[in-house]
N, C-alpha and C. Protein backbone atom coordinates (compact mmCIF):
# COMPACT_ATOMS: atom_id res chain seq x y z
N MET A 1 -18.35 26.12 45.31
CA MET A 1 -19.97 27.34 45.13
C MET A 1 -20.99 25.60 46.43
N LEU A 2 -21.65 26.18 47.46
CA LEU A 2 -22.39 25.68 48.11
C LEU A 2 -23.37 26.27 48.15
N LYS A 3 -24.78 25.04 48.04
CA LYS A 3 -25.76 25.19 47.41
C LYS A 3 -27.26 25.09 48.59
N PRO A 4 -26.73 25.67 49.98
CA PRO A 4 -27.74 25.17 51.60
C PRO A 4 -29.36 25.75 50.78
N ASN A 5 -29.70 25.66 52.18
CA ASN A 5 -31.11 25.85 52.34
C ASN A 5 -30.97 27.22 53.44
N MET A 6 -32.18 27.78 53.04
CA MET A 6 -31.59 29.27 54.50
C MET A 6 -32.10 28.58 55.96
N ILE A 7 -31.83 28.71 56.78
CA ILE A 7 -32.73 28.06 58.18
C ILE A 7 -33.70 28.68 58.62
N ILE A 8 -34.79 27.53 57.86
CA ILE A 8 -36.21 28.48 58.28
C ILE A 8 -37.15 26.96 58.79
N ALA A 9 -38.16 27.64 59.51
CA ALA A 9 -38.83 26.54 61.14
C ALA A 9 -39.13 25.93 60.42
N GLY A 10 -39.46 24.29 59.66
CA GLY A 10 -40.13 22.97 59.10
C GLY A 10 -41.50 23.76 58.46
N GLN A 11 -41.43 23.13 58.14
CA GLN A 11 -43.58 23.17 57.49
C GLN A 11 -44.38 22.78 58.04
N LYS A 12 -44.09 21.98 59.39
CA LYS A 12 -44.99 21.20 60.25
C LYS A 12 -45.25 22.05 61.60
N SER A 13 -44.13 22.42 61.57
CA SER A 13 -43.59 24.39 62.87
C SER A 13 -44.89 24.96 63.08
N ALA A 14 -45.03 24.74 64.37
CA ALA A 14 -46.07 25.79 64.77
C ALA A 14 -45.31 27.13 65.40
N LYS A 15 -44.15 27.30 65.07
CA LYS A 15 -43.28 28.19 65.40
C LYS A 15 -43.03 28.94 63.36
N VAL A 16 -43.25 29.91 63.79
CA VAL A 16 -43.20 30.92 62.54
C VAL A 16 -41.81 31.80 62.13
N SER A 17 -40.69 31.15 62.08
CA SER A 17 -39.32 32.29 61.70
C SER A 17 -39.84 33.70 62.14
N THR A 18 -39.20 34.92 62.04
CA THR A 18 -39.17 36.32 61.78
C THR A 18 -38.14 36.55 61.01
N PRO A 19 -38.09 37.34 59.31
CA PRO A 19 -37.55 37.13 59.19
C PRO A 19 -35.38 37.99 59.38
N ASP A 20 -35.96 38.33 60.37
CA ASP A 20 -34.22 38.69 60.87
C ASP A 20 -33.56 37.09 62.11
N GLU A 21 -34.23 36.76 62.24
CA GLU A 21 -33.88 34.62 63.20
C GLU A 21 -32.99 34.61 62.40
N VAL A 22 -33.68 34.43 60.74
CA VAL A 22 -34.22 33.82 60.02
C VAL A 22 -32.06 33.81 59.05
N ALA A 23 -32.51 35.41 58.82
CA ALA A 23 -31.34 35.90 58.51
C ALA A 23 -30.08 35.36 59.63
N GLU A 24 -30.28 35.97 60.87
CA GLU A 24 -29.43 35.41 61.84
C GLU A 24 -28.66 34.07 61.98
N LYS A 25 -29.38 33.45 62.54
CA LYS A 25 -29.67 32.12 62.56
C LYS A 25 -28.67 31.80 60.99
N THR A 26 -28.78 31.51 60.22
CA THR A 26 -29.07 31.57 59.04
C THR A 26 -27.06 31.67 58.52
N VAL A 27 -26.06 33.06 59.18
CA VAL A 27 -25.90 33.81 58.43
C VAL A 27 -24.35 33.34 59.91
N ARG A 28 -24.71 33.07 61.69
CA ARG A 28 -24.58 32.05 61.93
C ARG A 28 -23.39 31.07 61.83
N VAL A 29 -25.01 29.98 60.96
CA VAL A 29 -24.32 28.51 61.45
C VAL A 29 -23.00 29.18 59.89
N LEU A 30 -23.38 29.92 59.27
CA LEU A 30 -22.22 29.29 57.87
C LEU A 30 -20.92 29.83 58.69
N LYS A 31 -20.85 30.78 59.33
CA LYS A 31 -19.60 31.05 59.46
C LYS A 31 -18.54 30.46 60.20
N ALA A 32 -19.83 29.66 61.39
CA ALA A 32 -19.56 28.14 62.55
C ALA A 32 -18.61 26.95 61.15
N THR A 33 -19.50 26.98 60.59
CA THR A 33 -19.40 26.16 59.43
C THR A 33 -18.18 25.92 57.83
N VAL A 34 -18.78 26.67 57.79
CA VAL A 34 -18.36 27.22 56.11
C VAL A 34 -17.14 27.97 55.51
N PRO A 35 -15.76 27.46 55.14
CA PRO A 35 -14.51 28.26 55.56
C PRO A 35 -14.76 29.71 54.46
N SER A 36 -14.08 29.97 54.80
CA SER A 36 -13.90 31.72 53.54
C SER A 36 -13.22 31.76 52.69
N ALA A 37 -12.67 30.56 52.41
CA ALA A 37 -11.71 30.14 51.21
C ALA A 37 -13.46 29.80 49.96
N VAL A 38 -14.95 29.63 50.43
CA VAL A 38 -15.38 29.24 49.78
C VAL A 38 -15.98 30.41 48.71
N PRO A 39 -15.92 30.69 47.34
CA PRO A 39 -16.40 31.80 47.33
C PRO A 39 -17.67 32.47 47.14
N GLY A 40 -18.48 31.47 47.01
CA GLY A 40 -19.89 31.93 47.44
C GLY A 40 -20.82 31.02 48.02
N ILE A 41 -22.02 31.13 48.38
CA ILE A 41 -23.44 30.79 48.70
C ILE A 41 -24.47 30.78 48.08
N ALA A 42 -25.53 29.83 47.07
CA ALA A 42 -26.58 29.95 46.18
C ALA A 42 -27.58 29.09 46.86
N PHE A 43 -28.39 30.18 47.13
CA PHE A 43 -28.93 29.72 48.60
C PHE A 43 -29.87 28.82 47.57
N LEU A 44 -30.86 27.46 47.94
CA LEU A 44 -31.81 26.53 47.01
C LEU A 44 -33.70 27.99 48.01
N SER A 45 -34.33 27.65 47.84
CA SER A 45 -35.60 28.89 47.51
C SER A 45 -36.44 27.60 49.22
N GLY A 46 -35.31 26.77 49.34
CA GLY A 46 -36.88 25.72 50.07
C GLY A 46 -37.99 26.34 50.69
N GLY A 47 -38.93 26.16 49.64
CA GLY A 47 -40.21 26.63 50.04
C GLY A 47 -40.93 27.93 50.43
N GLN A 48 -39.75 29.11 49.99
CA GLN A 48 -39.94 30.45 50.60
C GLN A 48 -40.53 31.21 49.60
N SER A 49 -41.73 31.67 49.98
CA SER A 49 -42.84 32.42 48.47
C SER A 49 -41.27 33.04 47.93
N ASP A 50 -41.33 33.71 46.73
CA ASP A 50 -40.38 34.57 46.51
C ASP A 50 -40.33 35.50 47.14
N GLU A 51 -40.97 36.50 47.66
CA GLU A 51 -40.58 37.84 48.13
C GLU A 51 -40.15 38.02 49.73
N LEU A 52 -40.53 36.42 50.22
CA LEU A 52 -39.87 36.13 51.40
C LEU A 52 -38.32 35.47 51.35
N ALA A 53 -37.91 35.52 50.51
CA ALA A 53 -37.06 34.63 50.18
C ALA A 53 -35.51 35.90 50.39
N THR A 54 -36.52 36.92 48.83
CA THR A 54 -35.49 37.43 48.50
C THR A 54 -35.89 38.38 49.78
N LYS A 55 -35.65 38.28 51.20
CA LYS A 55 -35.62 39.63 52.04
C LYS A 55 -34.59 39.56 53.09
N HIS A 56 -35.57 37.76 52.83
CA HIS A 56 -34.81 36.88 53.80
C HIS A 56 -32.96 36.96 53.19
N LEU A 57 -32.64 37.17 51.91
CA LEU A 57 -31.08 37.25 51.31
C LEU A 57 -30.43 38.42 51.11
N SER A 58 -31.84 39.84 51.93
CA SER A 58 -30.47 40.99 51.64
C SER A 58 -30.84 41.00 53.08
N LEU A 59 -31.74 40.80 54.61
CA LEU A 59 -30.38 40.61 55.71
C LEU A 59 -29.88 40.44 55.81
N MET A 60 -29.57 38.52 55.70
CA MET A 60 -28.28 38.80 55.41
C MET A 60 -27.03 38.90 54.55
N ASN A 61 -27.71 40.56 53.29
CA ASN A 61 -26.15 40.87 53.12
C ASN A 61 -26.06 41.88 53.46
N ALA A 62 -26.90 42.40 53.82
CA ALA A 62 -27.22 43.80 54.42
C ALA A 62 -26.51 43.11 55.91
N ALA A 63 -26.22 42.38 56.12
CA ALA A 63 -25.01 42.44 57.52
C ALA A 63 -23.78 42.71 57.20
N GLY A 64 -22.96 42.66 56.10
CA GLY A 64 -22.37 42.69 56.26
C GLY A 64 -21.03 41.76 57.20
N ASP A 65 -20.10 42.17 56.74
CA ASP A 65 -18.75 40.75 57.14
C ASP A 65 -18.50 39.85 56.60
N LEU A 66 -19.22 39.90 55.24
CA LEU A 66 -19.65 38.05 55.75
C LEU A 66 -18.04 37.38 54.19
N PRO A 67 -17.83 36.40 54.50
CA PRO A 67 -16.53 36.47 53.72
C PRO A 67 -16.67 35.33 52.56
N TRP A 68 -17.96 34.73 51.97
CA TRP A 68 -18.55 35.21 50.23
C TRP A 68 -19.78 35.50 49.79
N ALA A 69 -20.01 35.64 48.84
CA ALA A 69 -21.01 36.22 48.26
C ALA A 69 -22.10 35.47 48.50
N LEU A 70 -23.17 36.10 47.90
CA LEU A 70 -24.68 35.44 48.73
C LEU A 70 -25.45 35.62 47.66
N THR A 71 -26.35 34.80 47.18
CA THR A 71 -27.44 34.93 46.38
C THR A 71 -28.33 33.56 46.17
N PHE A 72 -28.42 33.94 44.91
CA PHE A 72 -29.44 33.18 45.04
C PHE A 72 -29.42 31.40 44.06
N SER A 73 -29.84 30.39 44.26
CA SER A 73 -29.64 28.76 43.13
C SER A 73 -31.47 28.26 43.35
N TYR A 74 -31.72 29.64 42.37
CA TYR A 74 -33.27 28.75 41.87
C TYR A 74 -33.97 28.63 41.08
N GLY A 75 -34.90 27.87 40.71
CA GLY A 75 -35.55 28.09 39.30
C GLY A 75 -37.38 28.84 40.54
N ARG A 76 -37.81 28.17 40.83
CA ARG A 76 -38.90 28.14 41.12
C ARG A 76 -39.58 29.33 41.94
N ALA A 77 -39.16 29.94 43.04
CA ALA A 77 -38.86 31.57 43.40
C ALA A 77 -38.69 32.98 42.77
N LEU A 78 -37.57 32.56 41.36
CA LEU A 78 -37.25 33.23 40.66
C LEU A 78 -38.52 33.08 39.15
N GLN A 79 -39.09 32.28 38.91
CA GLN A 79 -39.74 31.85 37.77
C GLN A 79 -42.03 31.93 38.81
N ALA A 80 -41.38 31.69 39.42
CA ALA A 80 -43.15 31.52 40.00
C ALA A 80 -44.00 32.62 38.90
N ALA A 81 -43.68 33.69 40.15
CA ALA A 81 -44.06 35.15 39.39
C ALA A 81 -45.16 34.93 37.92
N ALA A 82 -43.74 34.62 36.84
CA ALA A 82 -43.21 35.64 35.87
C ALA A 82 -43.63 34.19 35.25
N LEU A 83 -44.29 32.71 35.29
CA LEU A 83 -45.39 31.53 34.66
C LEU A 83 -46.16 31.49 35.13
N LYS A 84 -47.36 32.31 35.86
CA LYS A 84 -47.99 32.69 36.66
C LYS A 84 -49.01 33.69 35.57
N ALA A 85 -47.61 35.15 35.81
CA ALA A 85 -48.44 35.85 34.86
C ALA A 85 -48.37 35.88 33.31
N TRP A 86 -47.73 35.31 33.09
CA TRP A 86 -47.26 34.11 31.72
C TRP A 86 -49.07 33.70 30.82
N GLY A 87 -48.88 32.36 31.97
CA GLY A 87 -49.34 31.51 31.80
C GLY A 87 -49.80 30.40 30.80
N GLY A 88 -48.69 30.66 30.10
CA GLY A 88 -48.44 29.68 28.60
C GLY A 88 -49.26 30.16 27.34
N LYS A 89 -49.86 31.24 27.78
CA LYS A 89 -50.06 32.24 26.73
C LYS A 89 -49.85 33.59 26.10
N PRO A 90 -50.07 33.38 25.07
CA PRO A 90 -48.42 33.85 24.14
C PRO A 90 -49.66 35.29 23.88
N GLU A 91 -50.59 36.08 23.78
CA GLU A 91 -51.14 37.64 24.18
C GLU A 91 -50.66 38.12 25.86
N ASN A 92 -50.04 36.81 27.24
CA ASN A 92 -49.69 37.74 28.07
C ASN A 92 -47.58 37.42 28.42
N VAL A 93 -47.47 37.17 27.09
CA VAL A 93 -45.77 37.15 26.95
C VAL A 93 -45.69 38.50 27.70
N ALA A 94 -45.46 39.55 27.54
CA ALA A 94 -44.70 41.08 27.80
C ALA A 94 -45.22 40.71 29.50
N ALA A 95 -46.74 40.67 29.73
CA ALA A 95 -46.45 40.40 30.81
C ALA A 95 -45.58 39.16 32.22
N GLY A 96 -45.49 37.97 31.89
CA GLY A 96 -44.80 36.99 32.25
C GLY A 96 -42.79 38.13 31.56
N GLN A 97 -42.65 38.28 31.17
CA GLN A 97 -41.82 38.97 31.24
C GLN A 97 -41.08 40.77 32.57
N ARG A 98 -42.01 40.51 32.07
CA ARG A 98 -42.53 42.44 32.78
C ARG A 98 -42.29 41.60 35.01
N ALA A 99 -42.94 40.32 34.41
CA ALA A 99 -42.72 39.52 36.51
C ALA A 99 -41.11 39.07 36.80
N PHE A 100 -40.66 38.25 35.59
CA PHE A 100 -39.54 37.70 35.61
C PHE A 100 -38.49 38.92 35.67
N THR A 101 -38.27 39.88 35.02
CA THR A 101 -37.62 41.66 35.40
C THR A 101 -38.00 41.40 36.01
N HIS A 102 -38.68 42.02 36.94
CA HIS A 102 -39.23 42.91 38.42
C HIS A 102 -38.09 42.13 39.56
N ARG A 103 -39.05 40.38 39.17
CA ARG A 103 -38.23 39.66 40.34
C ARG A 103 -36.44 39.15 40.44
N ALA A 104 -36.10 39.47 38.98
CA ALA A 104 -34.38 39.68 39.57
C ALA A 104 -34.08 40.91 39.45
N ARG A 105 -34.69 41.99 39.60
CA ARG A 105 -34.02 43.43 39.89
C ARG A 105 -34.10 42.99 41.32
N MET A 106 -35.63 42.97 41.95
CA MET A 106 -35.05 42.36 43.16
C MET A 106 -34.40 41.53 44.37
N ASN A 107 -34.12 40.34 43.54
CA ASN A 107 -33.00 39.13 43.75
C ASN A 107 -31.70 40.14 43.57
N SER A 108 -31.65 41.18 42.99
CA SER A 108 -29.95 41.52 42.54
C SER A 108 -29.92 42.58 43.21
N LEU A 109 -30.71 43.29 44.26
CA LEU A 109 -30.87 44.55 45.53
C LEU A 109 -30.27 43.59 46.53
N ALA A 110 -31.43 42.56 46.26
CA ALA A 110 -30.84 41.51 47.56
C ALA A 110 -29.15 41.27 48.10
N ALA A 111 -29.08 40.30 46.67
CA ALA A 111 -28.01 40.13 46.90
C ALA A 111 -27.04 41.22 47.25
N LEU A 112 -26.70 42.47 47.26
CA LEU A 112 -26.32 43.95 47.93
C LEU A 112 -26.49 44.37 49.15
N GLY A 113 -27.83 43.64 49.53
CA GLY A 113 -28.31 44.10 50.71
C GLY A 113 -29.04 45.56 50.81
N GLN A 114 -30.05 45.81 49.66
CA GLN A 114 -30.81 46.98 50.41
C GLN A 114 -31.73 46.94 48.87
N TRP A 115 -32.45 45.90 49.38
CA TRP A 115 -33.68 45.46 48.99
C TRP A 115 -34.18 45.90 49.91
N ASP A 116 -35.40 46.16 49.62
CA ASP A 116 -36.41 46.95 50.19
C ASP A 116 -37.66 46.94 49.96
N ALA A 117 -39.23 46.79 51.05
CA ALA A 117 -40.30 46.30 50.32
C ALA A 117 -41.12 47.25 49.31
N LYS A 118 -40.81 48.15 50.06
CA LYS A 118 -41.25 49.62 49.41
C LYS A 118 -41.24 48.92 47.62
N LEU A 119 -40.09 48.75 47.22
CA LEU A 119 -39.73 48.17 46.05
C LEU A 119 -41.06 47.27 44.97
N GLU A 120 -41.25 46.22 46.24
CA GLU A 120 -42.06 45.35 45.73
C GLU A 120 -43.50 45.76 45.35
N LYS A 121 -43.50 46.95 46.31
CA LYS A 121 -45.51 47.71 45.53
C LYS A 121 -44.76 48.28 44.84
N ALA A 122 -43.43 48.69 44.66
CA ALA A 122 -44.04 50.04 43.19
C ALA A 122 -43.98 49.61 42.04
N ALA A 123 -43.59 47.95 41.83
CA ALA A 123 -43.10 47.92 40.46
C ALA A 123 -44.93 47.36 40.33
């Protein structure tokens, strides 16, 4: 198992990479450097928003022809919306659970290359 970051522009960079550029460059580097015998690659969120990281993952998986499973290995981007919705208040537990379930569903679809921004808005 490999746990890298995706290839994105640095925080101080004036250039903002498009999601397609992130997916293409990340997959290109992985194909050039990671043996196909590696069973899976679990990305760290690397400071990306939860929705953007999900979009990047989905684009990479949708490209197909990958020798490894691509998924996430992160806490912040998976948990951020849930923690915000919950806010540490007992009366917000259900809202936090809904937010966590939604993010998990979106990332499940992204791991299959089937995520779509319309699904984010539908929730």
